[in-house]
Protein backbone atom coordinates (compact mmCIF):
# COMPACT_ATOMS: atom_id res chain seq x y z
CA MET A 1 6.58 27.15 8.51
CA LYS A 2 5.32 27.11 12.14
CA ARG A 3 5.33 23.57 13.54
CA SER A 4 3.04 22.30 16.21
CA LYS A 5 4.22 21.48 19.79
CA LEU A 6 3.74 17.74 19.18
CA TYR A 7 5.76 17.92 15.89
CA ARG A 8 8.60 19.80 17.69
CA ALA A 9 8.47 17.26 20.46
CA ARG A 10 8.79 14.34 17.90
CA LEU A 11 11.70 16.03 16.22
CA ALA A 12 13.65 15.98 19.29
CA LYS A 13 13.49 12.18 19.45
CA PHE A 14 15.78 11.62 16.49
CA SER A 15 18.55 13.28 14.33
CA ARG A 16 17.48 14.78 10.99
CA THR A 17 21.02 14.35 9.64
CA GLU A 18 21.51 10.73 10.52
CA PHE A 19 20.61 7.63 8.36
CA TYR A 20 19.13 4.98 10.59
CA SER A 21 18.93 1.28 10.31
CA LEU A 22 15.33 0.05 9.92
CA GLU A 23 15.33 -1.31 13.36
CA ASN A 24 16.60 1.84 14.93
CA GLY A 25 14.26 3.94 12.95
CA VAL A 26 11.22 1.96 14.12
CA GLN A 27 12.53 2.41 17.70
CA ALA A 28 12.79 6.29 17.31
CA LEU A 29 9.31 6.36 15.71
CA LYS A 30 7.74 4.36 18.60
CA SER A 31 9.54 6.54 21.22
CA MET A 32 7.76 9.71 20.02
CA PRO A 33 4.80 11.29 21.94
CA THR A 34 1.46 9.69 20.84
CA THR A 35 -1.60 11.20 19.54
CA LYS A 36 -5.33 10.34 20.36
CA PHE A 37 -5.56 7.97 17.34
CA ASP A 38 -3.66 5.02 16.13
CA GLU A 39 -1.55 6.42 13.22
CA THR A 40 -0.73 4.65 10.10
CA VAL A 41 3.01 3.90 9.58
CA GLU A 42 4.42 4.26 6.05
CA LEU A 43 7.62 3.78 4.08
CA SER A 44 8.38 6.17 1.27
CA PHE A 45 10.97 5.15 -1.43
CA ARG A 46 12.53 7.42 -4.00
CA LEU A 47 13.64 5.41 -6.75
CA GLY A 48 15.96 5.90 -9.67
CA ILE A 49 13.45 5.43 -12.48
CA ASP A 50 11.81 7.49 -15.17
CA PRO A 51 7.99 7.16 -14.61
CA ARG A 52 7.40 8.76 -17.86
CA GLN A 53 8.49 5.53 -19.60
CA SER A 54 5.94 2.80 -19.56
CA ASP A 55 8.78 0.17 -19.02
CA GLN A 56 9.95 1.80 -15.88
CA ILE A 57 6.66 1.94 -13.96
CA VAL A 58 7.00 0.27 -10.53
CA ARG A 59 3.53 -1.04 -9.44
CA GLY A 60 2.34 -4.11 -7.65
CA ALA A 61 0.89 -5.46 -4.45
CA LEU A 62 1.89 -7.72 -1.51
CA VAL A 63 0.28 -9.19 1.63
CA LEU A 64 1.94 -7.92 4.82
CA PRO A 65 2.96 -10.76 6.96
CA GLN A 66 1.58 -8.93 10.12
CA GLY A 67 -1.30 -7.36 8.47
CA THR A 68 -2.36 -3.66 8.17
CA GLY A 69 -4.16 -3.19 11.24
CA LYS A 70 -7.25 -2.03 9.32
CA LYS A 71 -10.41 -3.93 8.55
CA GLN A 72 -10.92 -4.06 4.79
CA THR A 73 -14.21 -3.84 3.21
CA VAL A 74 -13.82 -6.09 0.06
CA VAL A 75 -16.40 -5.99 -2.86
CA VAL A 76 -16.29 -8.41 -5.85
CA ILE A 77 -18.00 -8.00 -9.21
CA ALA A 78 -18.52 -11.57 -10.52
CA GLU A 79 -21.01 -14.11 -11.60
CA GLY A 80 -21.74 -17.79 -11.04
CA GLU A 81 -19.09 -19.97 -9.41
CA PHE A 82 -16.64 -16.99 -8.99
CA ALA A 83 -19.23 -15.11 -7.19
CA GLN A 84 -19.90 -18.07 -4.78
CA ARG A 85 -16.26 -18.53 -4.20
CA ALA A 86 -15.97 -14.92 -3.20
CA LYS A 87 -18.84 -15.16 -0.75
CA ASP A 88 -17.45 -18.19 0.82
CA ALA A 89 -14.14 -16.53 1.19
CA GLY A 90 -15.73 -13.67 3.18
CA ALA A 91 -16.22 -10.93 0.63
CA ASP A 92 -18.44 -8.17 2.10
CA GLU A 93 -20.45 -7.63 -1.12
CA VAL A 94 -20.70 -9.83 -4.19
CA GLY A 95 -22.75 -9.15 -7.27
CA TYR A 96 -22.69 -8.09 -11.02
CA GLU A 97 -24.97 -5.62 -12.73
CA GLU A 98 -26.71 -4.39 -9.51
CA LEU A 99 -23.36 -3.62 -7.93
CA ILE A 100 -22.11 -1.81 -11.06
CA GLN A 101 -25.18 0.44 -10.98
CA ARG A 102 -24.68 1.17 -7.34
CA ILE A 103 -21.08 2.32 -7.94
CA LYS A 104 -22.31 4.34 -10.92
CA GLY A 105 -24.67 6.03 -8.70
CA GLY A 106 -21.98 7.12 -6.18
CA TRP A 107 -21.71 4.19 -3.76
CA LEU A 108 -17.94 3.71 -2.82
CA GLU A 109 -18.19 2.30 0.64
CA PHE A 110 -15.49 -0.05 0.19
CA ASP A 111 -11.51 -0.39 0.27
CA VAL A 112 -10.89 -3.03 -2.37
CA LEU A 113 -12.79 -3.97 -5.61
CA ILE A 114 -11.95 -7.17 -7.19
CA ALA A 115 -13.47 -8.36 -10.63
CA THR A 116 -13.18 -11.25 -12.96
CA PRO A 117 -11.68 -10.75 -16.39
CA SER A 118 -15.14 -11.45 -17.94
CA ALA A 119 -16.60 -8.52 -15.93
CA MET A 120 -13.89 -5.89 -16.80
CA LYS A 121 -15.71 -4.82 -20.04
CA GLU A 122 -18.50 -3.47 -17.64
CA VAL A 123 -16.24 -2.41 -14.86
CA ARG A 124 -14.02 -0.20 -17.12
CA THR A 125 -17.06 2.00 -17.68
CA LEU A 126 -16.58 3.01 -13.94
CA GLY A 127 -13.05 4.42 -14.68
CA ARG A 128 -14.06 7.95 -13.95
CA VAL A 129 -15.51 6.98 -10.61
CA LEU A 130 -12.86 4.38 -9.53
CA GLY A 131 -9.75 5.67 -11.11
CA PRO A 132 -9.23 8.95 -9.05
CA ARG A 133 -9.76 6.88 -5.80
CA GLY A 134 -7.34 4.14 -6.76
CA LEU A 135 -10.03 1.48 -6.68
CA MET A 136 -9.94 0.29 -10.35
CA PRO A 137 -9.23 -3.33 -10.49
CA ASN A 138 -6.00 -4.28 -12.19
CA PRO A 139 -4.23 -7.56 -13.05
CA LYS A 140 -0.95 -6.25 -11.90
CA THR A 141 -2.28 -5.97 -8.26
CA GLY A 142 -4.12 -9.11 -8.35
CA THR A 143 -7.67 -7.58 -8.31
CA VAL A 144 -8.55 -8.75 -11.73
CA THR A 145 -8.58 -12.61 -11.33
CA GLU A 146 -10.72 -15.65 -11.63
CA ASP A 147 -9.41 -16.82 -8.34
CA THR A 148 -11.72 -14.55 -6.44
CA ALA A 149 -11.43 -16.60 -3.17
CA THR A 150 -7.67 -16.14 -2.94
CA ALA A 151 -8.06 -12.36 -3.92
CA VAL A 152 -10.59 -11.80 -1.11
CA ARG A 153 -8.56 -13.70 1.42
CA GLU A 154 -5.50 -11.74 0.65
CA ALA A 155 -7.29 -8.46 0.80
CA LYS A 156 -8.71 -9.38 4.18
CA ALA A 157 -5.35 -10.54 5.44
CA GLY A 158 -3.47 -7.35 4.83
CA ARG A 159 -2.80 -6.90 1.22
CA VAL A 160 -1.36 -3.50 0.13
CA GLU A 161 -0.84 -1.99 -3.34
CA TYR A 162 2.00 0.26 -4.37
CA ARG A 163 2.66 2.47 -7.44
CA CYS A 164 5.20 5.09 -8.19
CA ASP A 165 4.20 8.58 -8.66
CA ARG A 166 5.41 11.09 -11.26
CA ALA A 167 8.53 11.79 -9.31
CA GLY A 168 9.42 8.17 -8.95
CA VAL A 169 8.34 8.09 -5.36
CA VAL A 170 6.52 4.89 -3.84
CA ASN A 171 4.53 5.22 -0.57
CA VAL A 172 3.38 1.99 1.16
CA PRO A 173 1.69 1.63 4.52
CA ILE A 174 3.22 -1.03 6.78
CA GLY A 175 0.79 -1.01 9.67
CA LYS A 176 -0.24 1.02 12.75
CA LEU A 177 1.85 2.78 15.30
CA SER A 178 0.30 0.43 18.06
CA PHE A 179 2.12 -2.60 16.27
CA SER A 180 5.10 -3.98 18.11
CA ALA A 181 8.55 -2.88 16.77
CA GLU A 182 9.10 -6.47 15.75
CA ALA A 183 5.82 -6.45 13.49
CA LEU A 184 6.59 -3.23 11.96
CA VAL A 185 10.18 -4.34 11.07
CA GLU A 186 8.95 -7.62 9.61
CA ASN A 187 6.22 -5.79 7.46
CA ALA A 188 8.93 -3.25 6.46
CA ASN A 189 11.31 -5.91 5.27
CA ALA A 190 8.62 -7.57 3.35
CA VAL A 191 7.92 -4.30 1.52
CA LEU A 192 11.52 -3.51 0.96
CA THR A 193 12.25 -6.88 -0.53
CA THR A 194 9.11 -6.44 -2.92
CA ILE A 195 10.29 -3.03 -4.03
CA LEU A 196 13.85 -4.13 -4.67
CA ARG A 197 12.65 -7.09 -6.70
CA ALA A 198 10.33 -4.80 -8.74
CA ARG A 199 13.32 -2.86 -10.24
CA PRO A 200 12.54 -2.40 -13.91
CA ALA A 201 15.14 -3.79 -16.26
CA ALA A 202 15.27 -0.43 -18.13
CA ALA A 203 16.22 1.49 -14.90
CA LYS A 204 19.68 2.95 -14.95
CA GLY A 205 22.10 3.82 -12.14
CA ILE A 206 21.22 3.73 -8.44
CA TYR A 207 17.72 2.34 -8.05
CA LEU A 208 16.95 2.82 -4.35
CA GLN A 209 18.00 6.47 -3.81
CA SER A 210 16.50 7.07 -0.50
CA TRP A 211 13.75 5.69 1.89
CA THR A 212 12.00 7.33 4.85
CA LEU A 213 9.91 6.02 7.79
CA SER A 214 7.02 8.12 9.24
CA SER A 215 3.57 7.92 10.78
CA THR A 216 0.56 10.01 9.98
CA MET A 217 1.58 13.08 11.95
CA SER A 218 5.37 12.53 12.42
CA PRO A 219 8.44 13.89 10.75
CA GLY A 220 10.17 11.53 8.37
CA ILE A 221 13.04 9.40 9.61
CA ARG A 222 15.68 8.90 7.03
CA LEU A 223 16.89 5.27 6.76
CA ASP A 224 20.19 3.93 5.38
CA ALA A 225 19.54 3.27 1.61
CA LYS A 226 22.98 1.81 0.93
CA SER A 227 22.61 -1.03 3.43
CA ALA A 228 19.00 -1.64 2.37
CA ALA A 229 19.94 -1.94 -1.35
CA LYS A 230 22.18 -4.88 -0.42
CA ALA A 231 19.55 -6.80 1.45
């Protein structure tokens, strides 16, 4: 495969055969030639799990201590006091039947959808619309809750969700390339700790098999999994 000039220039900034510490990996990433937009920085974990088994699914959410660098549009489907709490917390749209109908009609101009447990009977009918886009509320990620105020504040503050794919890989954004190295390292450590704590009891053998750091248009920088697993 022919690589672009930018890609080749970025490859020259680190060794593809070396396993870097998180701090050194971030420094290598930030030393690369930049693009015209602020790229998202991401961690990719390859885990020793069998995603075909329901008791080995790794899924959840966390609030990044330094935020995501992205403004989140948050919509809440709720009624009564739960709706008012969401409005007071800064939700961009709050409603019930009218919002459900708008979403059924194809309106998806939001990043996070939160719903109360009592609203989920209706929200589940939107599965075909929301599911493929990763927008379906779920108790495991904190988006099905009666504490709508906290859910809204966390979403606005830099909450990210993670879920393993069929190959046991988890991809999690940790901020923007314009973030300071210290901010990226802090966010990355928060994600690493969360992923390690999420190890399923049924998982056998080496859990953290590898992890890689990259930005939107960069090659992946391999990080030291053995040291990270001891964190």
